[in-house]
PDB file of all heavy atoms in Angstrom:
ATOM      1  N   TRP A   1     -12.767 -31.198 -26.736  1.00  0.00           N
ATOM      2  CA  TRP A   1     -11.632 -30.790 -27.556  1.00  0.00           C
ATOM      3  C   TRP A   1     -10.350 -31.213 -26.881  1.00  0.00           C
ATOM      4  O   TRP A   1      -9.933 -30.564 -25.928  1.00  0.00           O
ATOM      5  CB  TRP A   1     -11.692 -29.286 -27.809  1.00  0.00           C
ATOM      6  CG  TRP A   1     -10.632 -28.730 -28.696  1.00  0.00           C
ATOM      7  CD1 TRP A   1     -10.579 -28.837 -30.053  1.00  0.00           C
ATOM      8  CD2 TRP A   1      -9.477 -27.997 -28.284  1.00  0.00           C
ATOM      9  NE1 TRP A   1      -9.451 -28.182 -30.520  1.00  0.00           N
ATOM     10  CE2 TRP A   1      -8.795 -27.624 -29.461  1.00  0.00           C
ATOM     11  CE3 TRP A   1      -9.029 -27.569 -27.068  1.00  0.00           C
ATOM     12  CZ2 TRP A   1      -7.606 -26.920 -29.432  1.00  0.00           C
ATOM     13  CZ3 TRP A   1      -7.843 -26.803 -27.041  1.00  0.00           C
ATOM     14  CH2 TRP A   1      -7.164 -26.501 -28.177  1.00  0.00           C
ATOM     15  N   PRO A   2      -9.746 -32.296 -27.336  1.00  0.00           N
ATOM     16  CA  PRO A   2      -8.438 -32.681 -26.796  1.00  0.00           C
ATOM     17  C   PRO A   2      -7.297 -31.927 -27.527  1.00  0.00           C
ATOM     18  O   PRO A   2      -7.398 -31.710 -28.726  1.00  0.00           O
ATOM     19  CB  PRO A   2      -8.360 -34.192 -27.091  1.00  0.00           C
ATOM     20  CG  PRO A   2      -9.175 -34.356 -28.299  1.00  0.00           C
ATOM     21  CD  PRO A   2     -10.250 -33.283 -28.272  1.00  0.00           C
ATOM     22  N   ALA A   3      -6.304 -31.548 -26.798  1.00  0.00           N
ATOM     23  CA  ALA A   3      -5.161 -30.820 -27.435  1.00  0.00           C
ATOM     24  C   ALA A   3      -3.857 -31.158 -26.772  1.00  0.00           C
ATOM     25  O   ALA A   3      -3.813 -31.567 -25.603  1.00  0.00           O
ATOM     26  CB  ALA A   3      -5.403 -29.323 -27.273  1.00  0.00           C
ATOM     27  N   ASN A   4      -2.790 -30.996 -27.558  1.00  0.00           N
ATOM     28  CA  ASN A   4      -1.474 -31.200 -26.964  1.00  0.00           C
ATOM     29  C   ASN A   4      -1.225 -30.042 -25.939  1.00  0.00           C
ATOM     30  O   ASN A   4      -1.947 -29.051 -25.908  1.00  0.00           O
ATOM     31  CB  ASN A   4      -0.391 -31.270 -28.023  1.00  0.00           C
ATOM     32  CG  ASN A   4      -0.108 -29.958 -28.678  1.00  0.00           C
ATOM     33  OD1 ASN A   4      -0.062 -28.898 -28.103  1.00  0.00           O
ATOM     34  ND2 ASN A   4       0.136 -29.998 -30.021  1.00  0.00           N
ATOM     35  N   GLY A   5      -0.177 -30.164 -25.199  1.00  0.00           N
ATOM     36  CA  GLY A   5       0.080 -29.239 -24.125  1.00  0.00           C
ATOM     37  C   GLY A   5       0.261 -27.813 -24.540  1.00  0.00           C
ATOM     38  O   GLY A   5      -0.275 -26.912 -23.896  1.00  0.00           O
ATOM     39  N   SER A   6       0.996 -27.570 -25.601  1.00  0.00           N
ATOM     40  CA  SER A   6       1.242 -26.181 -25.990  1.00  0.00           C
ATOM     41  C   SER A   6      -0.034 -25.475 -26.480  1.00  0.00           C
ATOM     42  O   SER A   6      -0.265 -24.316 -26.134  1.00  0.00           O
ATOM     43  CB  SER A   6       2.334 -26.097 -27.073  1.00  0.00           C
ATOM     44  OG  SER A   6       1.959 -26.765 -28.204  1.00  0.00           O
ATOM     45  N   VAL A   7      -0.868 -26.178 -27.201  1.00  0.00           N
ATOM     46  CA  VAL A   7      -2.115 -25.574 -27.697  1.00  0.00           C
ATOM     47  C   VAL A   7      -3.090 -25.343 -26.533  1.00  0.00           C
ATOM     48  O   VAL A   7      -3.657 -24.264 -26.408  1.00  0.00           O
ATOM     49  CB  VAL A   7      -2.764 -26.414 -28.799  1.00  0.00           C
ATOM     50  CG1 VAL A   7      -4.062 -25.810 -29.283  1.00  0.00           C
ATOM     51  CG2 VAL A   7      -1.822 -26.555 -29.988  1.00  0.00           C
ATOM     52  N   PHE A   8      -3.250 -26.327 -25.676  1.00  0.00           N
ATOM     53  CA  PHE A   8      -4.128 -26.207 -24.504  1.00  0.00           C
ATOM     54  C   PHE A   8      -3.644 -25.003 -23.627  1.00  0.00           C
ATOM     55  O   PHE A   8      -4.459 -24.163 -23.243  1.00  0.00           O
ATOM     56  CB  PHE A   8      -4.167 -27.458 -23.678  1.00  0.00           C
ATOM     57  CG  PHE A   8      -5.002 -27.393 -22.448  1.00  0.00           C
ATOM     58  CD1 PHE A   8      -6.406 -27.449 -22.547  1.00  0.00           C
ATOM     59  CD2 PHE A   8      -4.415 -27.199 -21.210  1.00  0.00           C
ATOM     60  CE1 PHE A   8      -7.160 -27.374 -21.400  1.00  0.00           C
ATOM     61  CE2 PHE A   8      -5.183 -27.151 -20.062  1.00  0.00           C
ATOM     62  CZ  PHE A   8      -6.580 -27.223 -20.157  1.00  0.00           C
ATOM     63  N   SER A   9      -2.388 -24.962 -23.361  1.00  0.00           N
ATOM     64  CA  SER A   9      -1.819 -23.900 -22.538  1.00  0.00           C
ATOM     65  C   SER A   9      -2.012 -22.548 -23.163  1.00  0.00           C
ATOM     66  O   SER A   9      -2.359 -21.564 -22.486  1.00  0.00           O
ATOM     67  CB  SER A   9      -0.321 -24.171 -22.299  1.00  0.00           C
ATOM     68  OG  SER A   9       0.251 -23.176 -21.506  1.00  0.00           O
ATOM     69  N   TRP A  10      -1.878 -22.452 -24.519  1.00  0.00           N
ATOM     70  CA  TRP A  10      -2.074 -21.189 -25.186  1.00  0.00           C
ATOM     71  C   TRP A  10      -3.525 -20.738 -25.101  1.00  0.00           C
ATOM     72  O   TRP A  10      -3.816 -19.555 -24.829  1.00  0.00           O
ATOM     73  CB  TRP A  10      -1.660 -21.339 -26.696  1.00  0.00           C
ATOM     74  CG  TRP A  10      -1.447 -20.040 -27.358  1.00  0.00           C
ATOM     75  CD1 TRP A  10      -0.302 -19.309 -27.450  1.00  0.00           C
ATOM     76  CD2 TRP A  10      -2.457 -19.278 -27.989  1.00  0.00           C
ATOM     77  NE1 TRP A  10      -0.535 -18.152 -28.135  1.00  0.00           N
ATOM     78  CE2 TRP A  10      -1.835 -18.077 -28.500  1.00  0.00           C
ATOM     79  CE3 TRP A  10      -3.826 -19.430 -28.240  1.00  0.00           C
ATOM     80  CZ2 TRP A  10      -2.555 -17.104 -29.168  1.00  0.00           C
ATOM     81  CZ3 TRP A  10      -4.508 -18.473 -28.913  1.00  0.00           C
ATOM     82  CH2 TRP A  10      -3.867 -17.303 -29.358  1.00  0.00           C
ATOM     83  N   VAL A  11      -4.468 -21.632 -25.270  1.00  0.00           N
ATOM     84  CA  VAL A  11      -5.881 -21.320 -25.150  1.00  0.00           C
ATOM     85  C   VAL A  11      -6.230 -20.855 -23.727  1.00  0.00           C
ATOM     86  O   VAL A  11      -6.932 -19.890 -23.524  1.00  0.00           O
ATOM     87  CB  VAL A  11      -6.810 -22.489 -25.588  1.00  0.00           C
ATOM     88  CG1 VAL A  11      -8.269 -22.222 -25.252  1.00  0.00           C
ATOM     89  CG2 VAL A  11      -6.613 -22.793 -27.073  1.00  0.00           C
ATOM     90  N   LEU A  12      -5.688 -21.581 -22.779  1.00  0.00           N
ATOM     91  CA  LEU A  12      -5.960 -21.215 -21.337  1.00  0.00           C
ATOM     92  C   LEU A  12      -5.401 -19.809 -21.092  1.00  0.00           C
ATOM     93  O   LEU A  12      -6.090 -19.006 -20.462  1.00  0.00           O
ATOM     94  CB  LEU A  12      -5.268 -22.261 -20.480  1.00  0.00           C
ATOM     95  CG  LEU A  12      -5.729 -22.390 -19.044  1.00  0.00           C
ATOM     96  CD1 LEU A  12      -7.236 -22.712 -18.999  1.00  0.00           C
ATOM     97  CD2 LEU A  12      -4.924 -23.499 -18.366  1.00  0.00           C
ATOM     98  N   GLY A  13      -4.223 -19.497 -21.582  1.00  0.00           N
ATOM     99  CA  GLY A  13      -3.669 -18.172 -21.416  1.00  0.00           C
ATOM    100  C   GLY A  13      -4.493 -17.106 -22.080  1.00  0.00           C
ATOM    101  O   GLY A  13      -4.721 -16.024 -21.505  1.00  0.00           O
ATOM    102  N   PHE A  14      -4.974 -17.406 -23.274  1.00  0.00           N
ATOM    103  CA  PHE A  14      -5.850 -16.455 -23.971  1.00  0.00           C
ATOM    104  C   PHE A  14      -7.085 -16.172 -23.172  1.00  0.00           C
ATOM    105  O   PHE A  14      -7.496 -15.023 -22.971  1.00  0.00           O
ATOM    106  CB  PHE A  14      -6.197 -17.014 -25.360  1.00  0.00           C
ATOM    107  CG  PHE A  14      -7.385 -16.317 -25.974  1.00  0.00           C
ATOM    108  CD1 PHE A  14      -7.254 -15.065 -26.532  1.00  0.00           C
ATOM    109  CD2 PHE A  14      -8.642 -16.950 -25.985  1.00  0.00           C
ATOM    110  CE1 PHE A  14      -8.383 -14.428 -27.093  1.00  0.00           C
ATOM    111  CE2 PHE A  14      -9.718 -16.296 -26.561  1.00  0.00           C
ATOM    112  CZ  PHE A  14      -9.603 -15.029 -27.098  1.00  0.00           C
ATOM    113  N   LEU A  15      -7.762 -17.222 -22.719  1.00  0.00           N
ATOM    114  CA  LEU A  15      -8.987 -17.053 -21.947  1.00  0.00           C
ATOM    115  C   LEU A  15      -8.734 -16.288 -20.634  1.00  0.00           C
ATOM    116  O   LEU A  15      -9.550 -15.455 -20.253  1.00  0.00           O
ATOM    117  CB  LEU A  15      -9.635 -18.402 -21.641  1.00  0.00           C
ATOM    118  CG  LEU A  15     -10.242 -19.136 -22.823  1.00  0.00           C
ATOM    119  CD1 LEU A  15     -10.710 -20.561 -22.432  1.00  0.00           C
ATOM    120  CD2 LEU A  15     -11.373 -18.376 -23.457  1.00  0.00           C
ATOM    121  N   THR A  16      -7.636 -16.604 -19.984  1.00  0.00           N
ATOM    122  CA  THR A  16      -7.292 -15.912 -18.738  1.00  0.00           C
ATOM    123  C   THR A  16      -7.126 -14.435 -18.939  1.00  0.00           C
ATOM    124  O   THR A  16      -7.629 -13.622 -18.157  1.00  0.00           O
ATOM    125  CB  THR A  16      -6.021 -16.527 -18.165  1.00  0.00           C
ATOM    126  OG1 THR A  16      -6.207 -17.907 -17.910  1.00  0.00           O
ATOM    127  CG2 THR A  16      -5.622 -15.826 -16.840  1.00  0.00           C
ATOM    128  N   GLU A  17      -6.480 -14.055 -19.986  1.00  0.00           N
ATOM    129  CA  GLU A  17      -6.251 -12.628 -20.315  1.00  0.00           C
ATOM    130  C   GLU A  17      -7.539 -11.931 -20.806  1.00  0.00           C
ATOM    131  O   GLU A  17      -7.755 -10.789 -20.546  1.00  0.00           O
ATOM    132  CB  GLU A  17      -5.178 -12.447 -21.354  1.00  0.00           C
ATOM    133  CG  GLU A  17      -3.808 -12.824 -20.866  1.00  0.00           C
ATOM    134  CD  GLU A  17      -2.745 -12.692 -21.924  1.00  0.00           C
ATOM    135  OE1 GLU A  17      -3.025 -12.012 -22.964  1.00  0.00           O
ATOM    136  OE2 GLU A  17      -1.679 -13.258 -21.781  1.00  0.00           O
ATOM    137  N   ALA A  18      -8.371 -12.660 -21.514  1.00  0.00           N
ATOM    138  CA  ALA A  18      -9.525 -12.067 -22.207  1.00  0.00           C
ATOM    139  C   ALA A  18     -10.789 -11.980 -21.341  1.00  0.00           C
ATOM    140  O   ALA A  18     -11.638 -11.132 -21.603  1.00  0.00           O
ATOM    141  CB  ALA A  18      -9.822 -12.824 -23.478  1.00  0.00           C
ATOM    142  N   THR A  19     -10.927 -12.848 -20.377  1.00  0.00           N
ATOM    143  CA  THR A  19     -12.155 -12.822 -19.593  1.00  0.00           C
ATOM    144  C   THR A  19     -12.276 -11.553 -18.777  1.00  0.00           C
ATOM    145  O   THR A  19     -11.309 -10.970 -18.328  1.00  0.00           O
ATOM    146  CB  THR A  19     -12.290 -14.041 -18.674  1.00  0.00           C
ATOM    147  OG1 THR A  19     -13.562 -14.007 -18.012  1.00  0.00           O
ATOM    148  CG2 THR A  19     -11.213 -14.046 -17.576  1.00  0.00           C
ATOM    149  N   THR A  20     -13.514 -11.120 -18.612  1.00  0.00           N
ATOM    150  CA  THR A  20     -13.786  -9.922 -17.789  1.00  0.00           C
ATOM    151  C   THR A  20     -14.171 -10.273 -16.382  1.00  0.00           C
ATOM    152  O   THR A  20     -14.349  -9.384 -15.521  1.00  0.00           O
ATOM    153  CB  THR A  20     -14.907  -9.097 -18.412  1.00  0.00           C
ATOM    154  OG1 THR A  20     -16.098  -9.866 -18.484  1.00  0.00           O
ATOM    155  CG2 THR A  20     -14.524  -8.595 -19.803  1.00  0.00           C
ATOM    156  N   ASP A  21     -14.313 -11.557 -16.076  1.00  0.00           N
ATOM    157  CA  ASP A  21     -14.784 -12.007 -14.774  1.00  0.00           C
ATOM    158  C   ASP A  21     -13.609 -12.410 -13.891  1.00  0.00           C
ATOM    159  O   ASP A  21     -12.912 -13.411 -14.212  1.00  0.00           O
ATOM    160  CB  ASP A  21     -15.738 -13.202 -14.979  1.00  0.00           C
ATOM    161  CG  ASP A  21     -16.421 -13.685 -13.719  1.00  0.00           C
ATOM    162  OD1 ASP A  21     -15.761 -13.635 -12.644  1.00  0.00           O
ATOM    163  OD2 ASP A  21     -17.589 -14.085 -13.790  1.00  0.00           O
ATOM    164  N   PRO A  22     -13.361 -11.697 -12.792  1.00  0.00           N
ATOM    165  CA  PRO A  22     -12.218 -12.021 -11.983  1.00  0.00           C
ATOM    166  C   PRO A  22     -12.282 -13.432 -11.364  1.00  0.00           C
ATOM    167  O   PRO A  22     -11.237 -14.078 -11.226  1.00  0.00           O
ATOM    168  CB  PRO A  22     -12.296 -10.970 -10.841  1.00  0.00           C
ATOM    169  CG  PRO A  22     -13.125  -9.886 -11.365  1.00  0.00           C
ATOM    170  CD  PRO A  22     -14.089 -10.485 -12.338  1.00  0.00           C
ATOM    171  N   ALA A  23     -13.449 -13.943 -11.054  1.00  0.00           N
ATOM    172  CA  ALA A  23     -13.560 -15.318 -10.534  1.00  0.00           C
ATOM    173  C   ALA A  23     -13.175 -16.347 -11.588  1.00  0.00           C
ATOM    174  O   ALA A  23     -12.525 -17.348 -11.281  1.00  0.00           O
ATOM    175  CB  ALA A  23     -14.981 -15.568 -10.008  1.00  0.00           C
ATOM    176  N   VAL A  24     -13.584 -16.095 -12.793  1.00  0.00           N
ATOM    177  CA  VAL A  24     -13.210 -17.018 -13.911  1.00  0.00           C
ATOM    178  C   VAL A  24     -11.683 -16.966 -14.125  1.00  0.00           C
ATOM    179  O   VAL A  24     -11.061 -17.985 -14.298  1.00  0.00           O
ATOM    180  CB  VAL A  24     -13.979 -16.675 -15.180  1.00  0.00           C
ATOM    181  CG1 VAL A  24     -13.444 -17.454 -16.377  1.00  0.00           C
ATOM    182  CG2 VAL A  24     -15.483 -16.873 -15.008  1.00  0.00           C
ATOM    183  N   ARG A  25     -11.165 -15.766 -14.120  1.00  0.00           N
ATOM    184  CA  ARG A  25      -9.737 -15.592 -14.322  1.00  0.00           C
ATOM    185  C   ARG A  25      -8.992 -16.364 -13.224  1.00  0.00           C
ATOM    186  O   ARG A  25      -8.003 -17.099 -13.505  1.00  0.00           O
ATOM    187  CB  ARG A  25      -9.313 -14.132 -14.253  1.00  0.00           C
ATOM    188  CG  ARG A  25      -7.844 -13.879 -14.470  1.00  0.00           C
ATOM    189  CD  ARG A  25      -7.464 -12.372 -14.547  1.00  0.00           C
ATOM    190  NE  ARG A  25      -8.135 -11.792 -15.720  1.00  0.00           N
ATOM    191  CZ  ARG A  25      -9.087 -10.888 -15.636  1.00  0.00           C
ATOM    192  NH1 ARG A  25      -9.513 -10.440 -14.442  1.00  0.00           N
ATOM    193  NH2 ARG A  25      -9.635 -10.370 -16.710  1.00  0.00           N
ATOM    194  N   GLU A  26      -9.429 -16.245 -11.991  1.00  0.00           N
ATOM    195  CA  GLU A  26      -8.778 -16.971 -10.892  1.00  0.00           C
ATOM    196  C   GLU A  26      -8.811 -18.490 -11.126  1.00  0.00           C
ATOM    197  O   GLU A  26      -7.848 -19.195 -10.902  1.00  0.00           O
ATOM    198  CB  GLU A  26      -9.461 -16.593  -9.580  1.00  0.00           C
ATOM    199  CG  GLU A  26      -8.779 -17.180  -8.377  1.00  0.00           C
ATOM    200  CD  GLU A  26      -9.433 -16.653  -7.067  1.00  0.00           C
ATOM    201  OE1 GLU A  26      -9.695 -15.479  -6.998  1.00  0.00           O
ATOM    202  OE2 GLU A  26      -9.676 -17.531  -6.182  1.00  0.00           O
ATOM    203  N   GLU A  27      -9.965 -19.026 -11.547  1.00  0.00           N
ATOM    204  CA  GLU A  27     -10.096 -20.427 -11.760  1.00  0.00           C
ATOM    205  C   GLU A  27      -9.240 -20.889 -12.912  1.00  0.00           C
ATOM    206  O   GLU A  27      -8.603 -21.965 -12.838  1.00  0.00           O
ATOM    207  CB  GLU A  27     -11.595 -20.807 -12.031  1.00  0.00           C
ATOM    208  CG  GLU A  27     -11.796 -22.315 -12.109  1.00  0.00           C
ATOM    209  CD  GLU A  27     -13.261 -22.710 -12.059  1.00  0.00           C
ATOM    210  OE1 GLU A  27     -14.093 -21.932 -11.594  1.00  0.00           O
ATOM    211  OE2 GLU A  27     -13.526 -23.839 -12.492  1.00  0.00           O
ATOM    212  N   LEU A  28      -9.135 -20.114 -13.969  1.00  0.00           N
ATOM    213  CA  LEU A  28      -8.287 -20.451 -15.105  1.00  0.00           C
ATOM    214  C   LEU A  28      -6.816 -20.460 -14.691  1.00  0.00           C
ATOM    215  O   LEU A  28      -6.047 -21.334 -15.078  1.00  0.00           O
ATOM    216  CB  LEU A  28      -8.513 -19.510 -16.254  1.00  0.00           C
ATOM    217  CG  LEU A  28      -9.914 -19.569 -16.906  1.00  0.00           C
ATOM    218  CD1 LEU A  28     -10.062 -18.407 -17.902  1.00  0.00           C
ATOM    219  CD2 LEU A  28     -10.147 -20.898 -17.554  1.00  0.00           C
ATOM    220  N   GLU A  29      -6.434 -19.481 -13.862  1.00  0.00           N
ATOM    221  CA  GLU A  29      -5.028 -19.429 -13.377  1.00  0.00           C
ATOM    222  C   GLU A  29      -4.749 -20.645 -12.511  1.00  0.00           C
ATOM    223  O   GLU A  29      -3.656 -21.186 -12.584  1.00  0.00           O
ATOM    224  CB  GLU A  29      -4.836 -18.109 -12.597  1.00  0.00           C
ATOM    225  CG  GLU A  29      -4.771 -16.922 -13.476  1.00  0.00           C
ATOM    226  CD  GLU A  29      -4.760 -15.607 -12.695  1.00  0.00           C
ATOM    227  OE1 GLU A  29      -5.094 -15.593 -11.469  1.00  0.00           O
ATOM    228  OE2 GLU A  29      -4.463 -14.580 -13.316  1.00  0.00           O
ATOM    229  N   GLU A  30      -5.709 -21.075 -11.737  1.00  0.00           N
ATOM    230  CA  GLU A  30      -5.508 -22.278 -10.904  1.00  0.00           C
ATOM    231  C   GLU A  30      -5.296 -23.528 -11.754  1.00  0.00           C
ATOM    232  O   GLU A  30      -4.449 -24.344 -11.473  1.00  0.00           O
ATOM    233  CB  GLU A  30      -6.688 -22.458  -9.959  1.00  0.00           C
ATOM    234  CG  GLU A  30      -6.505 -23.573  -8.966  1.00  0.00           C
ATOM    235  CD  GLU A  30      -7.641 -23.670  -7.965  1.00  0.00           C
ATOM    236  OE1 GLU A  30      -8.109 -22.599  -7.500  1.00  0.00           O
ATOM    237  OE2 GLU A  30      -8.078 -24.799  -7.683  1.00  0.00           O
ATOM    238  N   ILE A  31      -6.101 -23.648 -12.820  1.00  0.00           N
ATOM    239  CA  ILE A  31      -5.954 -24.791 -13.733  1.00  0.00           C
ATOM    240  C   ILE A  31      -4.562 -24.806 -14.317  1.00  0.00           C
ATOM    241  O   ILE A  31      -3.890 -25.829 -14.378  1.00  0.00           O
ATOM    242  CB  ILE A  31      -7.014 -24.726 -14.869  1.00  0.00           C
ATOM    243  CG1 ILE A  31      -8.400 -25.042 -14.269  1.00  0.00           C
ATOM    244  CG2 ILE A  31      -6.711 -25.734 -15.951  1.00  0.00           C
ATOM    245  CD1 ILE A  31      -9.539 -24.732 -15.229  1.00  0.00           C
TER     246      ILE A  31
END
């Protein structure tokens, strides 16, 4: 799924906030 910057960033932020796994959250924050 290719996306422009604002959509990709929004999805990344959503996943970061919604995940229950601290290691996943950390990896998403790093991305």
